[in-house]
Amino acid sequence: MNIVSKKEALDFVHPYFGKPVSRVWQGHGSTIFLEVGELANDKGELTIMIEWSWRVEKGNEIAFGSWSSDSDFSEYLKQLNGLSLETISFESRLPEIVVELSDNTWVCSFSTVEGDPEWALMNRKQTLVSSKGKLVFE
């Protein structure tokens, strides 16, 4: 694993700012994937993956999250399709991600279990994760 600075992490995601969320889908359990930019084989130019603990903020409230009713997930996730990726920031001592989308919408990770925060930012060449309090390329 290669430790990277916040600046290097921002340089990694910056080329995708302004691109649309082309596909949103649910993985195992409450894991979500946001595919950003042009799709190739259902994968975006950048894939944002957040495992169990996350929420979507709309304006000044929580619109839905990983603990929302499973039966409503697909409808909730559809709301994110077509929004544009504005920024991604890395917050807290053990880096979590905050994904700012257009239309006053944010997707935030916040792990509540032992170990590292469970998110990944993947392009077709590299994967950025949080490991032991650091941002790293796997």
N, C-alpha and C. Protein backbone atom coordinates (compact mmCIF):
# COMPACT_ATOMS: atom_id res chain seq x y z
N MET A 1 0.84 -1.18 0.00
CA MET A 1 0.00 0.00 0.00
C MET A 1 0.88 1.25 0.00
N ASN A 2 0.45 2.24 -0.75
CA ASN A 2 1.19 3.47 -0.92
C ASN A 2 0.45 4.61 -0.23
N ILE A 3 1.00 5.16 0.86
CA ILE A 3 0.36 6.27 1.59
C ILE A 3 0.39 7.52 0.72
N VAL A 4 -0.74 8.24 0.69
CA VAL A 4 -0.85 9.47 -0.10
C VAL A 4 -1.33 10.62 0.78
N SER A 5 -0.97 11.82 0.41
CA SER A 5 -1.43 13.02 1.13
C SER A 5 -2.85 13.36 0.69
N LYS A 6 -3.50 14.24 1.45
CA LYS A 6 -4.84 14.70 1.05
C LYS A 6 -4.77 15.39 -0.30
N LYS A 7 -3.70 16.14 -0.55
CA LYS A 7 -3.56 16.81 -1.84
C LYS A 7 -3.48 15.78 -2.97
N GLU A 8 -2.70 14.72 -2.78
CA GLU A 8 -2.60 13.67 -3.81
C GLU A 8 -3.94 12.98 -4.01
N ALA A 9 -4.68 12.78 -2.92
CA ALA A 9 -6.00 12.16 -3.02
C ALA A 9 -6.96 13.08 -3.79
N LEU A 10 -6.90 14.38 -3.51
CA LEU A 10 -7.75 15.32 -4.24
C LEU A 10 -7.35 15.40 -5.71
N ASP A 11 -6.05 15.33 -6.00
CA ASP A 11 -5.60 15.29 -7.40
C ASP A 11 -6.15 14.05 -8.11
N PHE A 12 -6.26 12.95 -7.38
CA PHE A 12 -6.79 11.69 -7.94
C PHE A 12 -8.26 11.84 -8.34
N VAL A 13 -9.07 12.52 -7.52
CA VAL A 13 -10.51 12.60 -7.80
C VAL A 13 -10.91 13.83 -8.60
N HIS A 14 -10.06 14.86 -8.63
CA HIS A 14 -10.40 16.11 -9.29
C HIS A 14 -10.85 15.97 -10.74
N PRO A 15 -10.24 15.10 -11.56
CA PRO A 15 -10.68 15.00 -12.96
C PRO A 15 -12.15 14.58 -13.14
N TYR A 16 -12.77 14.08 -12.10
CA TYR A 16 -14.15 13.59 -12.21
C TYR A 16 -15.18 14.62 -11.74
N PHE A 17 -14.71 15.74 -11.16
CA PHE A 17 -15.62 16.78 -10.71
C PHE A 17 -16.36 17.35 -11.92
N GLY A 18 -17.66 17.53 -11.77
CA GLY A 18 -18.50 18.04 -12.86
C GLY A 18 -19.11 16.95 -13.72
N LYS A 19 -18.65 15.71 -13.55
CA LYS A 19 -19.20 14.61 -14.35
C LYS A 19 -20.46 14.05 -13.68
N PRO A 20 -21.36 13.48 -14.46
CA PRO A 20 -22.62 12.98 -13.90
C PRO A 20 -22.46 11.63 -13.20
N VAL A 21 -23.34 11.41 -12.25
CA VAL A 21 -23.51 10.08 -11.67
C VAL A 21 -24.34 9.31 -12.69
N SER A 22 -23.70 8.37 -13.36
CA SER A 22 -24.33 7.66 -14.48
C SER A 22 -25.10 6.43 -14.05
N ARG A 23 -24.72 5.87 -12.91
CA ARG A 23 -25.38 4.66 -12.43
C ARG A 23 -25.16 4.55 -10.93
N VAL A 24 -26.23 4.23 -10.21
CA VAL A 24 -26.14 3.97 -8.77
C VAL A 24 -26.73 2.60 -8.54
N TRP A 25 -26.03 1.79 -7.74
CA TRP A 25 -26.55 0.45 -7.50
C TRP A 25 -26.17 -0.02 -6.11
N GLN A 26 -26.94 -0.99 -5.64
CA GLN A 26 -26.76 -1.57 -4.32
C GLN A 26 -26.02 -2.89 -4.45
N GLY A 27 -24.94 -3.03 -3.69
CA GLY A 27 -24.22 -4.28 -3.63
C GLY A 27 -24.79 -5.15 -2.52
N HIS A 28 -23.94 -5.96 -1.92
CA HIS A 28 -24.36 -6.83 -0.82
C HIS A 28 -24.79 -5.98 0.38
N GLY A 29 -25.90 -6.35 0.99
CA GLY A 29 -26.39 -5.61 2.16
C GLY A 29 -26.69 -4.17 1.80
N SER A 30 -26.12 -3.25 2.57
CA SER A 30 -26.38 -1.83 2.32
C SER A 30 -25.24 -1.15 1.57
N THR A 31 -24.32 -1.92 1.00
CA THR A 31 -23.23 -1.33 0.22
C THR A 31 -23.80 -0.62 -1.01
N ILE A 32 -23.31 0.60 -1.26
CA ILE A 32 -23.75 1.34 -2.45
C ILE A 32 -22.56 1.67 -3.33
N PHE A 33 -22.85 1.77 -4.63
CA PHE A 33 -21.86 2.13 -5.64
C PHE A 33 -22.43 3.28 -6.46
N LEU A 34 -21.64 4.32 -6.64
CA LEU A 34 -21.98 5.42 -7.52
C LEU A 34 -20.96 5.39 -8.66
N GLU A 35 -21.44 5.20 -9.87
CA GLU A 35 -20.58 5.18 -11.06
C GLU A 35 -20.63 6.57 -11.67
N VAL A 36 -19.46 7.21 -11.76
CA VAL A 36 -19.36 8.60 -12.21
C VAL A 36 -18.72 8.65 -13.59
N GLY A 37 -19.30 9.44 -14.47
CA GLY A 37 -18.75 9.62 -15.81
C GLY A 37 -19.25 8.57 -16.78
N GLU A 38 -18.57 8.48 -17.93
CA GLU A 38 -18.98 7.54 -18.97
C GLU A 38 -18.89 6.10 -18.48
N LEU A 39 -19.89 5.31 -18.83
CA LEU A 39 -19.91 3.90 -18.45
C LEU A 39 -19.23 3.04 -19.49
N ALA A 40 -18.50 2.05 -19.02
CA ALA A 40 -17.94 0.99 -19.86
C ALA A 40 -18.15 -0.30 -19.10
N ASN A 41 -18.95 -1.21 -19.66
CA ASN A 41 -19.31 -2.45 -18.96
C ASN A 41 -19.93 -2.16 -17.60
N ASP A 42 -20.82 -1.19 -17.56
CA ASP A 42 -21.55 -0.77 -16.35
C ASP A 42 -20.68 -0.16 -15.27
N LYS A 43 -19.42 0.14 -15.55
CA LYS A 43 -18.53 0.79 -14.59
C LYS A 43 -18.25 2.20 -15.08
N GLY A 44 -18.24 3.16 -14.15
CA GLY A 44 -17.93 4.53 -14.50
C GLY A 44 -16.45 4.78 -14.59
N GLU A 45 -16.10 5.99 -14.98
CA GLU A 45 -14.70 6.40 -14.99
C GLU A 45 -14.16 6.40 -13.56
N LEU A 46 -15.03 6.74 -12.61
CA LEU A 46 -14.72 6.66 -11.18
C LEU A 46 -15.87 5.93 -10.51
N THR A 47 -15.54 4.97 -9.66
CA THR A 47 -16.54 4.26 -8.87
C THR A 47 -16.35 4.66 -7.41
N ILE A 48 -17.44 5.09 -6.79
CA ILE A 48 -17.44 5.41 -5.36
C ILE A 48 -18.19 4.28 -4.68
N MET A 49 -17.52 3.57 -3.77
CA MET A 49 -18.14 2.47 -3.04
C MET A 49 -18.12 2.79 -1.56
N ILE A 50 -19.27 2.65 -0.91
CA ILE A 50 -19.35 2.81 0.54
C ILE A 50 -20.09 1.60 1.09
N GLU A 51 -19.43 0.89 2.02
CA GLU A 51 -20.08 -0.27 2.63
C GLU A 51 -21.08 0.22 3.68
N TRP A 52 -21.33 -0.53 4.70
CA TRP A 52 -22.48 -0.37 5.58
C TRP A 52 -22.86 1.02 6.04
N SER A 53 -22.09 1.78 6.74
CA SER A 53 -22.60 3.00 7.35
C SER A 53 -22.42 4.22 6.46
N TRP A 54 -23.54 4.77 6.00
CA TRP A 54 -23.53 5.95 5.14
C TRP A 54 -24.89 6.62 5.23
N ARG A 55 -24.91 7.86 4.78
CA ARG A 55 -26.20 8.57 4.70
C ARG A 55 -26.16 9.54 3.53
N VAL A 56 -27.36 9.88 3.04
CA VAL A 56 -27.51 10.88 2.00
C VAL A 56 -28.22 12.07 2.64
N GLU A 57 -27.54 13.21 2.55
CA GLU A 57 -28.10 14.45 3.09
C GLU A 57 -28.64 15.27 1.92
N LYS A 58 -29.82 15.80 2.12
CA LYS A 58 -30.46 16.66 1.12
C LYS A 58 -30.80 17.95 1.84
N GLY A 59 -30.16 19.04 1.46
CA GLY A 59 -30.38 20.29 2.17
C GLY A 59 -29.87 20.16 3.59
N ASN A 60 -30.74 20.41 4.54
CA ASN A 60 -30.37 20.37 5.95
C ASN A 60 -30.97 19.18 6.69
N GLU A 61 -31.18 18.07 5.99
CA GLU A 61 -31.72 16.89 6.65
C GLU A 61 -31.16 15.62 6.03
N ILE A 62 -31.31 14.52 6.74
CA ILE A 62 -30.92 13.22 6.22
C ILE A 62 -32.09 12.70 5.39
N ALA A 63 -31.83 12.47 4.11
CA ALA A 63 -32.89 12.00 3.21
C ALA A 63 -33.09 10.49 3.36
N PHE A 64 -31.99 9.75 3.45
CA PHE A 64 -32.03 8.30 3.66
C PHE A 64 -30.63 7.82 3.95
N GLY A 65 -30.51 6.57 4.33
CA GLY A 65 -29.19 6.05 4.64
C GLY A 65 -29.17 4.54 4.72
N SER A 66 -28.04 4.03 5.18
CA SER A 66 -27.83 2.59 5.21
C SER A 66 -28.80 1.86 6.13
N TRP A 67 -29.44 2.57 7.03
CA TRP A 67 -30.42 1.94 7.91
C TRP A 67 -31.86 2.17 7.45
N SER A 68 -32.04 2.78 6.28
CA SER A 68 -33.39 2.96 5.74
C SER A 68 -33.97 1.61 5.35
N SER A 69 -35.26 1.55 5.17
CA SER A 69 -35.94 0.31 4.82
C SER A 69 -35.41 -0.26 3.50
N ASP A 70 -35.02 -1.54 3.52
CA ASP A 70 -34.51 -2.19 2.32
C ASP A 70 -35.48 -2.08 1.15
N SER A 71 -36.76 -2.12 1.44
CA SER A 71 -37.75 -2.09 0.37
C SER A 71 -37.75 -0.75 -0.36
N ASP A 72 -37.22 0.30 0.27
CA ASP A 72 -37.20 1.63 -0.34
C ASP A 72 -35.86 1.96 -1.01
N PHE A 73 -34.84 1.12 -0.84
CA PHE A 73 -33.50 1.43 -1.33
C PHE A 73 -33.46 1.79 -2.81
N SER A 74 -34.05 0.97 -3.64
CA SER A 74 -33.93 1.22 -5.09
C SER A 74 -34.53 2.56 -5.47
N GLU A 75 -35.65 2.92 -4.87
CA GLU A 75 -36.26 4.22 -5.17
C GLU A 75 -35.40 5.36 -4.66
N TYR A 76 -34.86 5.21 -3.46
CA TYR A 76 -33.98 6.24 -2.91
C TYR A 76 -32.76 6.44 -3.79
N LEU A 77 -32.10 5.33 -4.15
CA LEU A 77 -30.86 5.42 -4.92
C LEU A 77 -31.08 6.04 -6.29
N LYS A 78 -32.25 5.83 -6.89
CA LYS A 78 -32.56 6.43 -8.20
C LYS A 78 -32.45 7.95 -8.15
N GLN A 79 -32.68 8.54 -6.98
CA GLN A 79 -32.63 10.00 -6.84
C GLN A 79 -31.24 10.56 -7.11
N LEU A 80 -30.21 9.72 -7.00
CA LEU A 80 -28.83 10.18 -7.19
C LEU A 80 -28.39 10.12 -8.65
N ASN A 81 -29.08 9.33 -9.47
CA ASN A 81 -28.74 9.22 -10.89
C ASN A 81 -28.90 10.57 -11.58
N GLY A 82 -27.91 10.94 -12.37
CA GLY A 82 -27.98 12.18 -13.13
C GLY A 82 -27.45 13.40 -12.42
N LEU A 83 -27.25 13.32 -11.09
CA LEU A 83 -26.65 14.45 -10.39
C LEU A 83 -25.18 14.53 -10.79
N SER A 84 -24.58 15.68 -10.62
CA SER A 84 -23.17 15.86 -10.96
C SER A 84 -22.31 15.77 -9.71
N LEU A 85 -21.11 15.22 -9.87
CA LEU A 85 -20.14 15.17 -8.78
C LEU A 85 -19.51 16.55 -8.66
N GLU A 86 -19.72 17.19 -7.53
CA GLU A 86 -19.15 18.52 -7.30
C GLU A 86 -17.77 18.43 -6.66
N THR A 87 -17.66 17.76 -5.52
CA THR A 87 -16.38 17.59 -4.83
C THR A 87 -16.41 16.31 -4.00
N ILE A 88 -15.23 15.89 -3.58
CA ILE A 88 -15.09 14.83 -2.59
C ILE A 88 -14.11 15.35 -1.56
N SER A 89 -14.48 15.24 -0.29
CA SER A 89 -13.55 15.66 0.76
C SER A 89 -13.31 14.48 1.70
N PHE A 90 -12.22 14.58 2.43
CA PHE A 90 -11.79 13.53 3.35
C PHE A 90 -11.84 14.13 4.75
N GLU A 91 -12.71 13.60 5.60
CA GLU A 91 -12.99 14.19 6.89
C GLU A 91 -12.59 13.27 8.04
N SER A 92 -12.29 13.84 9.16
CA SER A 92 -12.01 13.21 10.45
C SER A 92 -10.62 12.58 10.52
N ARG A 93 -10.28 12.15 11.70
CA ARG A 93 -8.96 11.59 11.97
C ARG A 93 -8.74 10.28 11.23
N LEU A 94 -9.75 9.43 11.19
CA LEU A 94 -9.74 8.20 10.38
C LEU A 94 -10.55 8.54 9.14
N PRO A 95 -9.90 8.82 8.02
CA PRO A 95 -10.58 9.46 6.90
C PRO A 95 -11.87 8.78 6.43
N GLU A 96 -12.92 9.56 6.50
CA GLU A 96 -14.21 9.22 5.90
C GLU A 96 -14.36 10.10 4.67
N ILE A 97 -15.28 9.75 3.78
CA ILE A 97 -15.48 10.59 2.60
C ILE A 97 -16.82 11.30 2.68
N VAL A 98 -16.83 12.50 2.13
CA VAL A 98 -18.04 13.29 1.94
C VAL A 98 -18.08 13.62 0.46
N VAL A 99 -19.09 13.10 -0.22
CA VAL A 99 -19.25 13.28 -1.65
C VAL A 99 -20.33 14.33 -1.86
N GLU A 100 -19.93 15.47 -2.40
CA GLU A 100 -20.91 16.52 -2.67
C GLU A 100 -21.38 16.38 -4.10
N LEU A 101 -22.70 16.25 -4.25
CA LEU A 101 -23.33 16.17 -5.56
C LEU A 101 -24.10 17.46 -5.82
N SER A 102 -24.53 17.65 -7.05
CA SER A 102 -25.36 18.81 -7.37
C SER A 102 -26.70 18.68 -6.65
N ASP A 103 -27.52 19.69 -6.77
CA ASP A 103 -28.87 19.70 -6.20
C ASP A 103 -28.87 19.61 -4.68
N ASN A 104 -27.81 20.22 -4.04
CA ASN A 104 -27.78 20.31 -2.58
C ASN A 104 -27.81 18.94 -1.90
N THR A 105 -27.03 17.99 -2.46
CA THR A 105 -27.04 16.60 -2.00
C THR A 105 -25.62 16.15 -1.64
N TRP A 106 -25.49 15.43 -0.52
CA TRP A 106 -24.21 14.89 -0.08
C TRP A 106 -24.39 13.41 0.27
N VAL A 107 -23.37 12.62 -0.01
CA VAL A 107 -23.32 11.22 0.41
C VAL A 107 -22.11 11.12 1.34
N CYS A 108 -22.36 10.67 2.57
CA CYS A 108 -21.31 10.67 3.60
C CYS A 108 -21.11 9.26 4.17
N SER A 109 -19.84 8.87 4.28
CA SER A 109 -19.54 7.61 4.96
C SER A 109 -19.30 7.91 6.43
N PHE A 110 -19.58 6.94 7.29
CA PHE A 110 -19.26 7.09 8.71
C PHE A 110 -19.28 5.72 9.36
N SER A 111 -18.14 5.09 9.33
CA SER A 111 -18.03 3.72 9.83
C SER A 111 -18.29 3.66 11.33
N THR A 112 -18.97 2.60 11.75
CA THR A 112 -19.30 2.43 13.17
C THR A 112 -18.88 1.06 13.69
N VAL A 113 -17.97 0.40 12.97
CA VAL A 113 -17.50 -0.92 13.39
C VAL A 113 -15.98 -0.90 13.52
N GLU A 114 -15.44 -1.95 14.10
CA GLU A 114 -14.00 -2.05 14.30
C GLU A 114 -13.27 -2.05 12.96
N GLY A 115 -12.03 -1.56 12.97
CA GLY A 115 -11.22 -1.58 11.76
C GLY A 115 -11.20 -0.22 11.08
N ASP A 116 -11.08 -0.24 9.78
CA ASP A 116 -10.98 0.97 8.99
C ASP A 116 -12.34 1.36 8.42
N PRO A 117 -12.51 2.66 8.09
CA PRO A 117 -13.71 3.04 7.35
C PRO A 117 -13.77 2.24 6.05
N GLU A 118 -14.95 1.80 5.68
CA GLU A 118 -15.12 0.90 4.53
C GLU A 118 -15.68 1.65 3.33
N TRP A 119 -14.79 2.35 2.64
CA TRP A 119 -15.13 3.01 1.39
C TRP A 119 -13.95 2.86 0.45
N ALA A 120 -14.22 3.05 -0.84
CA ALA A 120 -13.16 3.02 -1.85
C ALA A 120 -13.54 3.94 -3.00
N LEU A 121 -12.52 4.59 -3.55
CA LEU A 121 -12.66 5.38 -4.77
C LEU A 121 -11.79 4.71 -5.81
N MET A 122 -12.42 4.22 -6.88
CA MET A 122 -11.72 3.40 -7.86
C MET A 122 -11.84 3.99 -9.26
N ASN A 123 -10.70 4.19 -9.90
CA ASN A 123 -10.75 4.45 -11.33
C ASN A 123 -10.25 3.20 -12.02
N ARG A 124 -9.98 3.27 -13.29
CA ARG A 124 -9.61 2.04 -14.00
C ARG A 124 -8.17 1.62 -13.76
N LYS A 125 -7.42 2.42 -12.96
CA LYS A 125 -6.01 2.10 -12.71
C LYS A 125 -5.68 1.95 -11.22
N GLN A 126 -6.37 2.70 -10.35
CA GLN A 126 -6.01 2.72 -8.94
C GLN A 126 -7.24 2.69 -8.05
N THR A 127 -7.02 2.29 -6.79
CA THR A 127 -8.06 2.30 -5.77
C THR A 127 -7.54 3.04 -4.55
N LEU A 128 -8.29 4.06 -4.13
CA LEU A 128 -7.95 4.85 -2.95
C LEU A 128 -8.86 4.42 -1.80
N VAL A 129 -8.26 4.13 -0.64
CA VAL A 129 -9.02 3.71 0.55
C VAL A 129 -8.44 4.39 1.79
N SER A 130 -9.12 4.18 2.91
CA SER A 130 -8.63 4.61 4.21
C SER A 130 -8.10 3.38 4.93
N SER A 131 -6.85 3.47 5.43
CA SER A 131 -6.26 2.34 6.14
C SER A 131 -5.40 2.84 7.29
N LYS A 132 -5.76 2.42 8.51
CA LYS A 132 -4.98 2.77 9.70
C LYS A 132 -4.79 4.28 9.84
N GLY A 133 -5.85 5.03 9.54
CA GLY A 133 -5.80 6.48 9.70
C GLY A 133 -5.15 7.23 8.55
N LYS A 134 -4.82 6.56 7.48
CA LYS A 134 -4.14 7.19 6.34
C LYS A 134 -4.93 6.94 5.06
N LEU A 135 -4.74 7.82 4.09
CA LEU A 135 -5.25 7.60 2.74
C LEU A 135 -4.19 6.81 2.00
N VAL A 136 -4.59 5.72 1.35
CA VAL A 136 -3.62 4.87 0.66
C VAL A 136 -4.17 4.41 -0.69
N PHE A 137 -3.25 4.20 -1.63
CA PHE A 137 -3.57 3.50 -2.86
C PHE A 137 -3.27 2.04 -2.64
N GLU A 138 -4.23 1.18 -2.96
CA GLU A 138 -4.00 -0.26 -2.84
C GLU A 138 -3.26 -0.76 -4.05
